[in-house]
Protein backbone atom coordinates (compact mmCIF):
# COMPACT_ATOMS: atom_id res chain seq x y z
CA MET A 1 20.34 -8.12 0.61
CA ASN A 2 20.43 -5.13 -1.59
CA LEU A 3 18.56 -1.95 -1.37
CA PHE A 4 16.12 -2.84 -4.01
CA ILE A 5 15.04 -5.75 -1.91
CA VAL A 6 14.65 -3.49 1.17
CA ASP A 7 12.73 -1.08 -0.72
CA THR A 8 10.43 -3.61 -2.13
CA ILE A 9 9.77 -5.01 1.34
CA PHE A 10 9.15 -1.45 2.69
CA LYS A 11 6.71 -0.77 -0.08
CA PHE A 12 4.82 -3.98 0.49
CA LEU A 13 4.60 -3.18 4.21
CA CYS A 14 3.23 0.35 3.59
CA ILE A 15 0.58 -1.03 1.06
CA HIS A 16 -0.33 -3.59 3.73
CA LEU A 17 -0.64 -0.95 6.50
CA MET A 18 -2.58 1.32 4.25
CA TYR A 19 -4.98 -1.60 3.37
CA THR A 20 -5.39 -2.41 7.00
CA VAL A 21 -6.16 1.33 7.83
CA PHE A 22 -8.78 1.72 5.19
CA ILE A 23 -10.43 -1.68 5.67
CA MET A 24 -10.32 -1.89 9.36
CA SER A 25 -10.39 0.81 11.92
CA ALA A 26 -10.14 1.08 15.65
CA VAL A 27 -10.66 3.91 18.27
CA ILE A 28 -7.74 5.15 20.27
CA SER A 29 -8.14 8.03 22.91
CA ILE A 30 -5.60 10.53 24.02
CA ARG A 31 -5.88 13.01 26.82
CA VAL A 32 -5.14 16.66 26.31
CA SER A 33 -5.55 19.61 28.35
CA LYS A 34 -8.91 21.53 28.30
CA GLU A 35 -7.11 24.59 26.94
CA LEU A 36 -5.57 22.68 24.15
CA LYS A 37 -9.05 21.09 23.17
CA GLU A 38 -10.48 24.59 23.14
CA LYS A 39 -7.89 25.94 20.87
CA MET A 40 -8.46 22.80 18.62
CA LYS A 41 -12.07 23.47 18.27
CA GLY A 42 -11.30 27.06 17.07
CA ILE A 43 -9.20 25.89 14.17
CA PRO A 44 -10.85 24.32 10.98
CA ILE A 45 -8.58 21.35 10.90
CA ASP A 46 -9.46 17.64 10.37
CA TRP A 47 -7.81 16.62 13.43
CA ARG A 48 -8.47 12.93 13.09
CA SER A 49 -6.74 12.84 9.62
CA GLU A 50 -3.92 15.07 10.85
CA ILE A 51 -3.12 12.63 13.76
CA GLU A 52 -3.61 9.61 11.58
CA ARG A 53 -1.07 10.95 9.03
CA PHE A 54 1.32 11.70 11.87
CA ILE A 55 1.15 8.25 13.20
CA GLU A 56 1.49 6.77 9.67
CA GLN A 57 4.58 8.86 9.19
CA LYS A 58 6.23 7.70 12.55
CA ILE A 59 5.39 4.08 11.56
CA ARG A 60 7.16 4.46 8.30
CA GLU A 61 10.27 6.14 9.77
CA TYR A 62 10.44 3.26 12.36
CA MET A 63 10.09 0.55 9.82
CA LYS A 64 12.49 2.18 7.47
CA LYS A 65 15.12 2.19 10.18
CA LYS A 66 14.33 -1.24 11.28
CA TYR A 67 14.69 -2.66 7.63
CA LEU A 68 17.69 -0.72 6.89
CA GLU A 69 19.45 -2.13 10.09
CA ILE A 70 18.31 -5.58 8.88
CA ALA A 71 19.99 -4.82 5.44
CA ARG A 72 23.09 -3.71 7.05
CA ARG A 73 23.41 -6.77 9.25
CA CYS A 74 22.74 -9.06 6.12
CA ARG A 75 25.42 -7.11 4.14
CA GLU A 76 27.98 -7.52 6.92
CA LYS A 77 27.27 -11.37 6.78
CA MET A 78 27.83 -11.43 3.01
CA LYS A 79 31.12 -12.37 1.60
CA MET A 80 32.93 -9.70 -0.43
CA LEU A 81 33.57 -10.76 -4.14
CA PRO A 82 37.10 -10.83 -5.32
CA ILE A 83 36.07 -8.69 -8.26
CA SER A 84 34.44 -5.28 -8.30
CA GLY A 85 31.01 -4.46 -9.47
CA ALA A 86 32.36 -2.36 -12.20
CA GLU A 87 34.29 -5.44 -13.52
CA LEU A 88 31.36 -7.56 -13.43
CA ILE A 89 29.28 -5.10 -15.43
CA ARG A 90 32.03 -4.66 -18.10
CA GLU A 91 32.32 -8.53 -18.33
CA ASP A 92 28.46 -8.89 -18.79
CA ARG A 93 28.47 -6.07 -21.36
CA ASP A 94 31.30 -7.55 -23.31
CA ALA A 95 29.70 -10.96 -23.43
CA ARG A 96 26.73 -9.50 -25.36
């Protein structure tokens, strides 16, 4: 499995995740201290968007690590070719 395939899978999953986020939404709750909540009220930031971006970033990081690990395991299972990549490219170019 080459890096192109991993990248394509990753992009597909990100698009799917974004589609799911925009089409469907759910409510989650977190508990913070009263002091923190008061500080948050005093700052003109869209906290929902900030927290959503943070969660999306963590999901992307996790998925990237997961699919890179899958790609590494697939590559370990692949047999090495008796000829180098450079030789294959040269042979292809010479055939034109």
